[in-house]
Amino acid sequence: MCSEMMSKRTKALFFDIDGTLLSEKTGKVPDSAKEALKEARKRGHLVFINSGRVYGHLKEIRAEVEADGYLCGCGTYIVVEGRVIYCHRIPRERGIQVKRDIDECGLDGALEAIEGCYFHRTVSRIPQVEALKNAVRESGSALEYDWEDDCYDFDKIYLGSDSRSRCKELFGRLKDFDIIDRGSGFYECVPRGHSKATAMDLVLKHYGISLDDTYVFGDSSNDLEMFRYATNCILMGRHDAVLEPYATFETKDVEDDGIAYAMKELGII
């Protein structure tokens, strides 16, 4: 009787997007993952997207995957059941100064806001940043104003660098940000005190769900705080080694139905 009651307890499932739900090879969410999440919700469990992406950059995922909530921008914006329960924006004057510091130190990237992303209007000298700009524009998530304009607010920053960039100097100026090294010269800059873990904590308290009934699924370095915080940590087949000490279950690659496999093996569905 006890085990039956345990199996019926509501579980909270938190999923990273890129490399976890979404294949970076195909650019698609496998049908097996969609069906697994749908079945979990059918059984009374709660499904959340927990991403470094801002809300405006989730249009395609929201169209493909059924979820109970979205934890966006590394914990800076949280929506559950269609209602915003948390929102943090970088103060306007601070944001203007941060943009100047980035320009002076020779980095470039995206200013990420709830609505989408802001970019320099000129072509970036960093090819990977220019490719990012084009991809975001194609997705419809690039915004009307440019980096150079001062009439908007943003929530976090995604930066690329090259041999001419003075990263150490810039990060010394960003004492109020946590810097996540994404590798290959890219960094996420998140306002201090925000992470995928802080977002989870707010959501779990909102629903009254314990860590024992919480499962996180991830693959990359920006999932680290989420893995450190959670009790049940599912690691994708292809992953950043920094997550390995915290993983409690290693599944297959996303393209090999890794999400569905893990959820079945762990008795979630």
C-alpha atoms as a PDB file:
ATOM      1  CA  MET A   1       0.000   0.000   0.000  1.00  0.00           C
ATOM      2  CA  CYS A   2       2.827   2.372   0.908  1.00  0.00           C
ATOM      3  CA  SER A   3       4.633   1.866  -2.440  1.00  0.00           C
ATOM      4  CA  GLU A   4       1.352   2.380  -4.300  1.00  0.00           C
ATOM      5  CA  MET A   5       0.791   5.684  -2.514  1.00  0.00           C
ATOM      6  CA  MET A   6       4.373   6.758  -3.240  1.00  0.00           C
ATOM      7  CA  SER A   7       3.931   6.058  -6.973  1.00  0.00           C
ATOM      8  CA  LYS A   8       0.838   8.273  -7.033  1.00  0.00           C
ATOM      9  CA  ARG A   9       2.540  11.272  -5.416  1.00  0.00           C
ATOM     10  CA  THR A  10       2.868  14.245  -7.723  1.00  0.00           C
ATOM     11  CA  LYS A  11       6.377  14.567  -9.120  1.00  0.00           C
ATOM     12  CA  ALA A  12       7.916  17.757 -10.489  1.00  0.00           C
ATOM     13  CA  LEU A  13      10.001  17.256 -13.622  1.00  0.00           C
ATOM     14  CA  PHE A  14      12.375  19.985 -14.831  1.00  0.00           C
ATOM     15  CA  PHE A  15      13.862  19.823 -18.332  1.00  0.00           C
ATOM     16  CA  ASP A  16      16.659  21.764 -19.959  1.00  0.00           C
ATOM     17  CA  ILE A  17      16.058  22.401 -23.682  1.00  0.00           C
ATOM     18  CA  ASP A  18      19.147  22.344 -25.891  1.00  0.00           C
ATOM     19  CA  GLY A  19      20.798  18.938 -25.874  1.00  0.00           C
ATOM     20  CA  THR A  20      18.192  17.563 -23.470  1.00  0.00           C
ATOM     21  CA  LEU A  21      14.697  17.925 -24.930  1.00  0.00           C
ATOM     22  CA  LEU A  22      15.816  19.417 -28.219  1.00  0.00           C
ATOM     23  CA  SER A  23      18.337  17.612 -30.406  1.00  0.00           C
ATOM     24  CA  GLU A  24      21.157  19.929 -31.443  1.00  0.00           C
ATOM     25  CA  LYS A  25      21.736  17.582 -34.394  1.00  0.00           C
ATOM     26  CA  THR A  26      18.224  17.668 -35.840  1.00  0.00           C
ATOM     27  CA  GLY A  27      16.829  20.833 -34.237  1.00  0.00           C
ATOM     28  CA  LYS A  28      13.758  18.822 -33.219  1.00  0.00           C
ATOM     29  CA  VAL A  29      12.178  17.407 -30.077  1.00  0.00           C
ATOM     30  CA  PRO A  30      11.858  13.636 -30.614  1.00  0.00           C
ATOM     31  CA  ASP A  31       8.298  12.312 -30.702  1.00  0.00           C
ATOM     32  CA  SER A  32       9.232   9.895 -27.921  1.00  0.00           C
ATOM     33  CA  ALA A  33      10.068  12.821 -25.625  1.00  0.00           C
ATOM     34  CA  LYS A  34       6.828  14.638 -26.458  1.00  0.00           C
ATOM     35  CA  GLU A  35       4.807  11.517 -25.694  1.00  0.00           C
ATOM     36  CA  ALA A  36       6.727  10.864 -22.473  1.00  0.00           C
ATOM     37  CA  LEU A  37       6.007  14.361 -21.154  1.00  0.00           C
ATOM     38  CA  LYS A  38       2.369  14.086 -22.195  1.00  0.00           C
ATOM     39  CA  GLU A  39       2.061  10.747 -20.371  1.00  0.00           C
ATOM     40  CA  ALA A  40       3.698  12.176 -17.238  1.00  0.00           C
ATOM     41  CA  ARG A  41       1.166  15.012 -17.108  1.00  0.00           C
ATOM     42  CA  LYS A  42      -1.638  12.532 -17.747  1.00  0.00           C
ATOM     43  CA  ARG A  43      -0.496  10.680 -14.622  1.00  0.00           C
ATOM     44  CA  GLY A  44      -0.719  13.872 -12.583  1.00  0.00           C
ATOM     45  CA  HIS A  45       2.931  14.903 -12.607  1.00  0.00           C
ATOM     46  CA  LEU A  46       4.056  18.474 -13.324  1.00  0.00           C
ATOM     47  CA  VAL A  47       6.329  19.259 -16.258  1.00  0.00           C
ATOM     48  CA  PHE A  48       8.486  22.396 -16.354  1.00  0.00           C
ATOM     49  CA  ILE A  49      10.925  23.768 -18.905  1.00  0.00           C
ATOM     50  CA  ASN A  50      13.978  25.122 -17.040  1.00  0.00           C
ATOM     51  CA  SER A  51      16.153  26.961 -19.521  1.00  0.00           C
ATOM     52  CA  GLY A  52      18.806  29.593 -19.971  1.00  0.00           C
ATOM     53  CA  ARG A  53      16.680  30.836 -22.851  1.00  0.00           C
ATOM     54  CA  VAL A  54      14.454  33.833 -22.234  1.00  0.00           C
ATOM     55  CA  TYR A  55      10.697  33.454 -22.590  1.00  0.00           C
ATOM     56  CA  GLY A  56      10.598  35.095 -26.011  1.00  0.00           C
ATOM     57  CA  HIS A  57      13.001  32.463 -27.331  1.00  0.00           C
ATOM     58  CA  LEU A  58      10.730  29.564 -26.363  1.00  0.00           C
ATOM     59  CA  LYS A  59       8.099  29.933 -29.078  1.00  0.00           C
ATOM     60  CA  GLU A  60       9.007  26.754 -30.942  1.00  0.00           C
ATOM     61  CA  ILE A  61       9.343  24.661 -27.788  1.00  0.00           C
ATOM     62  CA  ARG A  62       6.053  25.928 -26.401  1.00  0.00           C
ATOM     63  CA  ALA A  63       4.382  24.904 -29.664  1.00  0.00           C
ATOM     64  CA  GLU A  64       5.872  21.403 -29.530  1.00  0.00           C
ATOM     65  CA  VAL A  65       5.880  20.461 -25.841  1.00  0.00           C
ATOM     66  CA  GLU A  66       3.065  20.522 -23.301  1.00  0.00           C
ATOM     67  CA  ALA A  67       4.262  21.976 -19.995  1.00  0.00           C
ATOM     68  CA  ASP A  68       2.870  23.350 -16.749  1.00  0.00           C
ATOM     69  CA  GLY A  69       5.396  26.143 -16.534  1.00  0.00           C
ATOM     70  CA  TYR A  70       8.488  27.835 -17.907  1.00  0.00           C
ATOM     71  CA  LEU A  71      11.527  28.829 -15.841  1.00  0.00           C
ATOM     72  CA  CYS A  72      13.407  31.178 -18.147  1.00  0.00           C
ATOM     73  CA  GLY A  73      16.649  33.110 -18.381  1.00  0.00           C
ATOM     74  CA  CYS A  74      18.406  31.070 -15.670  1.00  0.00           C
ATOM     75  CA  GLY A  75      15.777  31.898 -13.064  1.00  0.00           C
ATOM     76  CA  THR A  76      15.081  35.527 -13.983  1.00  0.00           C
ATOM     77  CA  TYR A  77      11.501  34.929 -15.217  1.00  0.00           C
ATOM     78  CA  ILE A  78       9.056  32.234 -14.110  1.00  0.00           C
ATOM     79  CA  VAL A  79       5.609  31.455 -15.514  1.00  0.00           C
ATOM     80  CA  VAL A  80       3.442  28.661 -14.116  1.00  0.00           C
ATOM     81  CA  GLU A  81       0.026  27.789 -15.460  1.00  0.00           C
ATOM     82  CA  GLY A  82       0.010  31.002 -17.475  1.00  0.00           C
ATOM     83  CA  ARG A  83       0.778  33.260 -14.501  1.00  0.00           C
ATOM     84  CA  VAL A  84       4.037  35.112 -13.856  1.00  0.00           C
ATOM     85  CA  ILE A  85       5.254  34.301 -10.336  1.00  0.00           C
ATOM     86  CA  TYR A  86       8.689  35.909 -10.589  1.00  0.00           C
ATOM     87  CA  CYS A  87      10.388  38.514 -12.787  1.00  0.00           C
ATOM     88  CA  HIS A  88      13.779  40.220 -12.448  1.00  0.00           C
ATOM     89  CA  ARG A  89      15.139  42.775 -14.898  1.00  0.00           C
ATOM     90  CA  ILE A  90      18.522  44.487 -14.856  1.00  0.00           C
ATOM     91  CA  PRO A  91      17.973  48.130 -13.809  1.00  0.00           C
ATOM     92  CA  ARG A  92      18.011  50.448 -16.850  1.00  0.00           C
ATOM     93  CA  GLU A  93      21.088  52.510 -15.884  1.00  0.00           C
ATOM     94  CA  ARG A  94      23.029  49.394 -14.904  1.00  0.00           C
ATOM     95  CA  GLY A  95      22.188  47.798 -18.223  1.00  0.00           C
ATOM     96  CA  ILE A  96      23.456  50.817 -20.153  1.00  0.00           C
ATOM     97  CA  GLN A  97      26.761  50.700 -18.261  1.00  0.00           C
ATOM     98  CA  VAL A  98      27.094  46.937 -18.811  1.00  0.00           C
ATOM     99  CA  LYS A  99      26.704  47.426 -22.566  1.00  0.00           C
ATOM    100  CA  ARG A 100      29.478  50.029 -22.538  1.00  0.00           C
ATOM    101  CA  ASP A 101      31.749  47.706 -20.564  1.00  0.00           C
ATOM    102  CA  ILE A 102      31.156  44.848 -23.011  1.00  0.00           C
ATOM    103  CA  ASP A 103      31.960  47.086 -25.984  1.00  0.00           C
ATOM    104  CA  GLU A 104      35.088  48.488 -24.345  1.00  0.00           C
ATOM    105  CA  CYS A 105      36.377  44.982 -23.551  1.00  0.00           C
ATOM    106  CA  GLY A 106      35.805  43.671 -27.071  1.00  0.00           C
ATOM    107  CA  LEU A 107      33.113  41.036 -26.564  1.00  0.00           C
ATOM    108  CA  ASP A 108      29.823  40.719 -28.435  1.00  0.00           C
ATOM    109  CA  GLY A 109      26.622  38.724 -28.154  1.00  0.00           C
ATOM    110  CA  ALA A 110      22.966  38.951 -27.226  1.00  0.00           C
ATOM    111  CA  LEU A 111      21.139  41.019 -24.622  1.00  0.00           C
ATOM    112  CA  GLU A 112      18.380  38.646 -23.593  1.00  0.00           C
ATOM    113  CA  ALA A 113      14.996  39.996 -22.500  1.00  0.00           C
ATOM    114  CA  ILE A 114      11.592  38.479 -21.727  1.00  0.00           C
ATOM    115  CA  GLU A 115      10.380  39.423 -25.199  1.00  0.00           C
ATOM    116  CA  GLY A 116      13.444  38.224 -27.140  1.00  0.00           C
ATOM    117  CA  CYS A 117      17.008  39.332 -27.913  1.00  0.00           C
ATOM    118  CA  TYR A 118      18.793  42.591 -28.773  1.00  0.00           C
ATOM    119  CA  PHE A 119      21.928  42.656 -30.962  1.00  0.00           C
ATOM    120  CA  HIS A 120      24.415  45.155 -32.360  1.00  0.00           C
ATOM    121  CA  ARG A 121      23.085  46.547 -35.622  1.00  0.00           C
ATOM    122  CA  THR A 122      26.518  46.133 -37.237  1.00  0.00           C
ATOM    123  CA  VAL A 123      28.015  42.817 -38.351  1.00  0.00           C
ATOM    124  CA  SER A 124      29.958  41.137 -35.546  1.00  0.00           C
ATOM    125  CA  ARG A 125      33.642  40.465 -36.040  1.00  0.00           C
ATOM    126  CA  ILE A 126      33.082  37.192 -34.140  1.00  0.00           C
ATOM    127  CA  PRO A 127      31.648  34.713 -36.705  1.00  0.00           C
ATOM    128  CA  GLN A 128      29.870  32.571 -34.107  1.00  0.00           C
ATOM    129  CA  VAL A 129      28.059  35.631 -32.740  1.00  0.00           C
ATOM    130  CA  GLU A 130      26.953  36.645 -36.229  1.00  0.00           C
ATOM    131  CA  ALA A 131      25.669  33.093 -36.788  1.00  0.00           C
ATOM    132  CA  LEU A 132      23.742  33.339 -33.503  1.00  0.00           C
ATOM    133  CA  LYS A 133      22.204  36.658 -34.581  1.00  0.00           C
ATOM    134  CA  ASN A 134      21.051  35.157 -37.862  1.00  0.00           C
ATOM    135  CA  ALA A 135      19.575  32.084 -36.171  1.00  0.00           C
ATOM    136  CA  VAL A 136      17.655  34.177 -33.634  1.00  0.00           C
ATOM    137  CA  ARG A 137      16.391  36.497 -36.359  1.00  0.00           C
ATOM    138  CA  GLU A 138      15.168  33.516 -38.374  1.00  0.00           C
ATOM    139  CA  SER A 139      13.316  32.233 -35.316  1.00  0.00           C
ATOM    140  CA  GLY A 140      11.520  35.559 -34.952  1.00  0.00           C
ATOM    141  CA  SER A 141      13.031  36.285 -31.521  1.00  0.00           C
ATOM    142  CA  ALA A 142      15.148  39.314 -32.486  1.00  0.00           C
ATOM    143  CA  LEU A 143      13.615  42.577 -31.257  1.00  0.00           C
ATOM    144  CA  GLU A 144      12.971  45.924 -32.929  1.00  0.00           C
ATOM    145  CA  TYR A 145      15.577  47.960 -31.058  1.00  0.00           C
ATOM    146  CA  ASP A 146      19.327  47.466 -31.294  1.00  0.00           C
ATOM    147  CA  TRP A 147      22.137  47.087 -28.755  1.00  0.00           C
ATOM    148  CA  GLU A 148      22.994  50.753 -29.305  1.00  0.00           C
ATOM    149  CA  ASP A 149      19.544  51.975 -28.186  1.00  0.00           C
ATOM    150  CA  ASP A 150      18.928  52.781 -24.508  1.00  0.00           C
ATOM    151  CA  CYS A 151      15.121  52.561 -24.351  1.00  0.00           C
ATOM    152  CA  TYR A 152      14.658  48.992 -23.117  1.00  0.00           C
ATOM    153  CA  ASP A 153      15.475  46.606 -20.270  1.00  0.00           C
ATOM    154  CA  PHE A 154      16.999  43.136 -20.433  1.00  0.00           C
ATOM    155  CA  ASP A 155      17.451  40.199 -18.058  1.00  0.00           C
ATOM    156  CA  LYS A 156      20.737  38.423 -18.829  1.00  0.00           C
ATOM    157  CA  ILE A 157      23.534  38.371 -21.410  1.00  0.00           C
ATOM    158  CA  TYR A 158      25.033  35.748 -23.716  1.00  0.00           C
ATOM    159  CA  LEU A 159      28.521  36.686 -24.907  1.00  0.00           C
ATOM    160  CA  GLY A 160      31.079  35.469 -27.389  1.00  0.00           C
ATOM    161  CA  SER A 161      34.766  36.318 -27.386  1.00  0.00           C
ATOM    162  CA  ASP A 162      37.882  35.997 -29.524  1.00  0.00           C
ATOM    163  CA  SER A 163      41.625  36.620 -29.175  1.00  0.00           C
ATOM    164  CA  ARG A 164      41.058  40.399 -29.065  1.00  0.00           C
ATOM    165  CA  SER A 165      38.525  40.217 -26.220  1.00  0.00           C
ATOM    166  CA  ARG A 166      39.523  41.177 -22.665  1.00  0.00           C
ATOM    167  CA  CYS A 167      37.293  38.730 -20.820  1.00  0.00           C
ATOM    168  CA  LYS A 168      39.019  38.900 -17.458  1.00  0.00           C
ATOM    169  CA  GLU A 169      38.750  42.681 -17.400  1.00  0.00           C
ATOM    170  CA  LEU A 170      35.058  42.575 -18.303  1.00  0.00           C
ATOM    171  CA  PHE A 171      34.169  39.976 -15.705  1.00  0.00           C
ATOM    172  CA  GLY A 172      35.971  42.079 -13.119  1.00  0.00           C
ATOM    173  CA  ARG A 173      33.496  44.848 -13.931  1.00  0.00           C
ATOM    174  CA  LEU A 174      30.523  42.476 -13.676  1.00  0.00           C
ATOM    175  CA  LYS A 175      30.760  41.756  -9.939  1.00  0.00           C
ATOM    176  CA  ASP A 176      26.957  41.659  -9.712  1.00  0.00           C
ATOM    177  CA  PHE A 177      26.742  38.832 -12.260  1.00  0.00           C
ATOM    178  CA  ASP A 178      27.493  35.119 -12.151  1.00  0.00           C
ATOM    179  CA  ILE A 179      29.502  34.076 -15.203  1.00  0.00           C
ATOM    180  CA  ILE A 180      28.826  30.637 -16.693  1.00  0.00           C
ATOM    181  CA  ASP A 181      31.563  29.395 -19.025  1.00  0.00           C
ATOM    182  CA  ARG A 182      29.772  27.634 -21.915  1.00  0.00           C
ATOM    183  CA  GLY A 183      33.033  26.719 -23.645  1.00  0.00           C
ATOM    184  CA  SER A 184      34.515  27.794 -27.008  1.00  0.00           C
ATOM    185  CA  GLY A 185      34.749  31.398 -25.815  1.00  0.00           C
ATOM    186  CA  PHE A 186      31.067  31.792 -24.919  1.00  0.00           C
ATOM    187  CA  TYR A 187      29.663  32.904 -21.580  1.00  0.00           C
ATOM    188  CA  GLU A 188      26.275  33.423 -19.948  1.00  0.00           C
ATOM    189  CA  CYS A 189      26.124  36.394 -17.585  1.00  0.00           C
ATOM    190  CA  VAL A 190      23.281  36.046 -15.093  1.00  0.00           C
ATOM    191  CA  PRO A 191      22.368  38.592 -12.392  1.00  0.00           C
ATOM    192  CA  ARG A 192      23.796  37.283  -9.118  1.00  0.00           C
ATOM    193  CA  GLY A 193      21.287  35.406  -6.998  1.00  0.00           C
ATOM    194  CA  HIS A 194      19.537  33.844  -9.994  1.00  0.00           C
ATOM    195  CA  SER A 195      19.974  30.373 -11.440  1.00  0.00           C
ATOM    196  CA  LYS A 196      18.029  27.352 -12.581  1.00  0.00           C
ATOM    197  CA  ALA A 197      18.167  26.218  -8.942  1.00  0.00           C
ATOM    198  CA  THR A 198      16.638  29.396  -7.482  1.00  0.00           C
ATOM    199  CA  ALA A 199      13.843  29.108 -10.041  1.00  0.00           C
ATOM    200  CA  MET A 200      13.200  25.491  -9.043  1.00  0.00           C
ATOM    201  CA  ASP A 201      13.123  26.425  -5.369  1.00  0.00           C
ATOM    202  CA  LEU A 202      10.408  29.023  -5.976  1.00  0.00           C
ATOM    203  CA  VAL A 203       8.323  26.609  -8.041  1.00  0.00           C
ATOM    204  CA  LEU A 204       8.611  23.738  -5.554  1.00  0.00           C
ATOM    205  CA  LYS A 205       7.554  26.024  -2.711  1.00  0.00           C
ATOM    206  CA  HIS A 206       4.677  27.309  -4.841  1.00  0.00           C
ATOM    207  CA  TYR A 207       3.353  23.758  -5.264  1.00  0.00           C
ATOM    208  CA  GLY A 208       4.520  22.286  -1.960  1.00  0.00           C
ATOM    209  CA  ILE A 209       6.547  19.516  -3.620  1.00  0.00           C
ATOM    210  CA  SER A 210       9.600  18.002  -1.944  1.00  0.00           C
ATOM    211  CA  LEU A 211      13.027  17.431  -3.462  1.00  0.00           C
ATOM    212  CA  ASP A 212      12.497  13.676  -3.143  1.00  0.00           C
ATOM    213  CA  ASP A 213       9.687  13.997  -5.690  1.00  0.00           C
ATOM    214  CA  THR A 214      11.697  16.264  -8.000  1.00  0.00           C
ATOM    215  CA  TYR A 215      13.616  15.146 -11.100  1.00  0.00           C
ATOM    216  CA  VAL A 216      15.919  17.263 -13.268  1.00  0.00           C
ATOM    217  CA  PHE A 217      17.125  16.462 -16.795  1.00  0.00           C
ATOM    218  CA  GLY A 218      20.150  18.203 -18.288  1.00  0.00           C
ATOM    219  CA  ASP A 219      23.368  18.017 -20.255  1.00  0.00           C
ATOM    220  CA  SER A 220      25.424  21.221 -20.066  1.00  0.00           C
ATOM    221  CA  SER A 221      27.321  23.506 -17.725  1.00  0.00           C
ATOM    222  CA  ASN A 222      24.407  25.893 -17.216  1.00  0.00           C
ATOM    223  CA  ASP A 223      22.528  22.964 -15.641  1.00  0.00           C
ATOM    224  CA  LEU A 224      25.136  22.729 -12.883  1.00  0.00           C
ATOM    225  CA  GLU A 225      23.222  24.672 -10.218  1.00  0.00           C
ATOM    226  CA  MET A 226      20.108  22.649 -10.995  1.00  0.00           C
ATOM    227  CA  PHE A 227      22.065  19.401 -10.531  1.00  0.00           C
ATOM    228  CA  ARG A 228      23.676  20.616  -7.316  1.00  0.00           C
ATOM    229  CA  TYR A 229      20.271  21.532  -5.913  1.00  0.00           C
ATOM    230  CA  ALA A 230      18.230  18.469  -6.896  1.00  0.00           C
ATOM    231  CA  THR A 231      18.131  14.963  -5.441  1.00  0.00           C
ATOM    232  CA  ASN A 232      17.268  13.054  -8.627  1.00  0.00           C
ATOM    233  CA  CYS A 233      19.503  14.188 -11.498  1.00  0.00           C
ATOM    234  CA  ILE A 234      19.210  12.608 -14.953  1.00  0.00           C
ATOM    235  CA  LEU A 235      22.214  13.157 -17.216  1.00  0.00           C
ATOM    236  CA  MET A 236      21.916  12.892 -20.998  1.00  0.00           C
ATOM    237  CA  GLY A 237      24.259  10.594 -22.930  1.00  0.00           C
ATOM    238  CA  ARG A 238      26.190  13.504 -24.457  1.00  0.00           C
ATOM    239  CA  HIS A 239      26.976  15.864 -21.615  1.00  0.00           C
ATOM    240  CA  ASP A 240      29.417  18.236 -19.984  1.00  0.00           C
ATOM    241  CA  ALA A 241      31.641  16.319 -17.557  1.00  0.00           C
ATOM    242  CA  VAL A 242      31.099  18.986 -14.881  1.00  0.00           C
ATOM    243  CA  LEU A 243      27.666  17.434 -14.197  1.00  0.00           C
ATOM    244  CA  GLU A 244      28.884  13.876 -13.645  1.00  0.00           C
ATOM    245  CA  PRO A 245      29.542  14.098  -9.865  1.00  0.00           C
ATOM    246  CA  TYR A 246      25.892  15.050  -9.296  1.00  0.00           C
ATOM    247  CA  ALA A 247      24.157  12.622 -11.665  1.00  0.00           C
ATOM    248  CA  THR A 248      22.011   9.866 -10.174  1.00  0.00           C
ATOM    249  CA  PHE A 249      21.018   8.323 -13.520  1.00  0.00           C
ATOM    250  CA  GLU A 250      22.672   8.508 -16.934  1.00  0.00           C
ATOM    251  CA  THR A 251      20.396   8.023 -19.903  1.00  0.00           C
ATOM    252  CA  LYS A 252      20.874   7.848 -23.671  1.00  0.00           C
ATOM    253  CA  ASP A 253      21.332  10.717 -26.124  1.00  0.00           C
ATOM    254  CA  VAL A 254      18.255  12.797 -26.861  1.00  0.00           C
ATOM    255  CA  GLU A 255      18.137  11.406 -30.424  1.00  0.00           C
ATOM    256  CA  ASP A 256      18.145   7.861 -29.013  1.00  0.00           C
ATOM    257  CA  ASP A 257      14.957   8.484 -27.013  1.00  0.00           C
ATOM    258  CA  GLY A 258      16.936   9.299 -23.870  1.00  0.00           C
ATOM    259  CA  ILE A 259      14.110  11.228 -22.192  1.00  0.00           C
ATOM    260  CA  ALA A 260      11.506   8.488 -22.626  1.00  0.00           C
ATOM    261  CA  TYR A 261      14.019   5.796 -21.644  1.00  0.00           C
ATOM    262  CA  ALA A 262      14.913   7.520 -18.369  1.00  0.00           C
ATOM    263  CA  MET A 263      11.317   8.261 -17.425  1.00  0.00           C
ATOM    264  CA  LYS A 264      10.326   4.633 -17.964  1.00  0.00           C
ATOM    265  CA  GLU A 265      13.356   3.244 -16.121  1.00  0.00           C
ATOM    266  CA  LEU A 266      12.700   5.531 -13.159  1.00  0.00           C
ATOM    267  CA  GLY A 267       9.023   4.604 -13.006  1.00  0.00           C
ATOM    268  CA  ILE A 268       7.752   8.095 -13.791  1.00  0.00           C
ATOM    269  CA  ILE A 269       5.696   6.779 -16.694  1.00  0.00           C
END
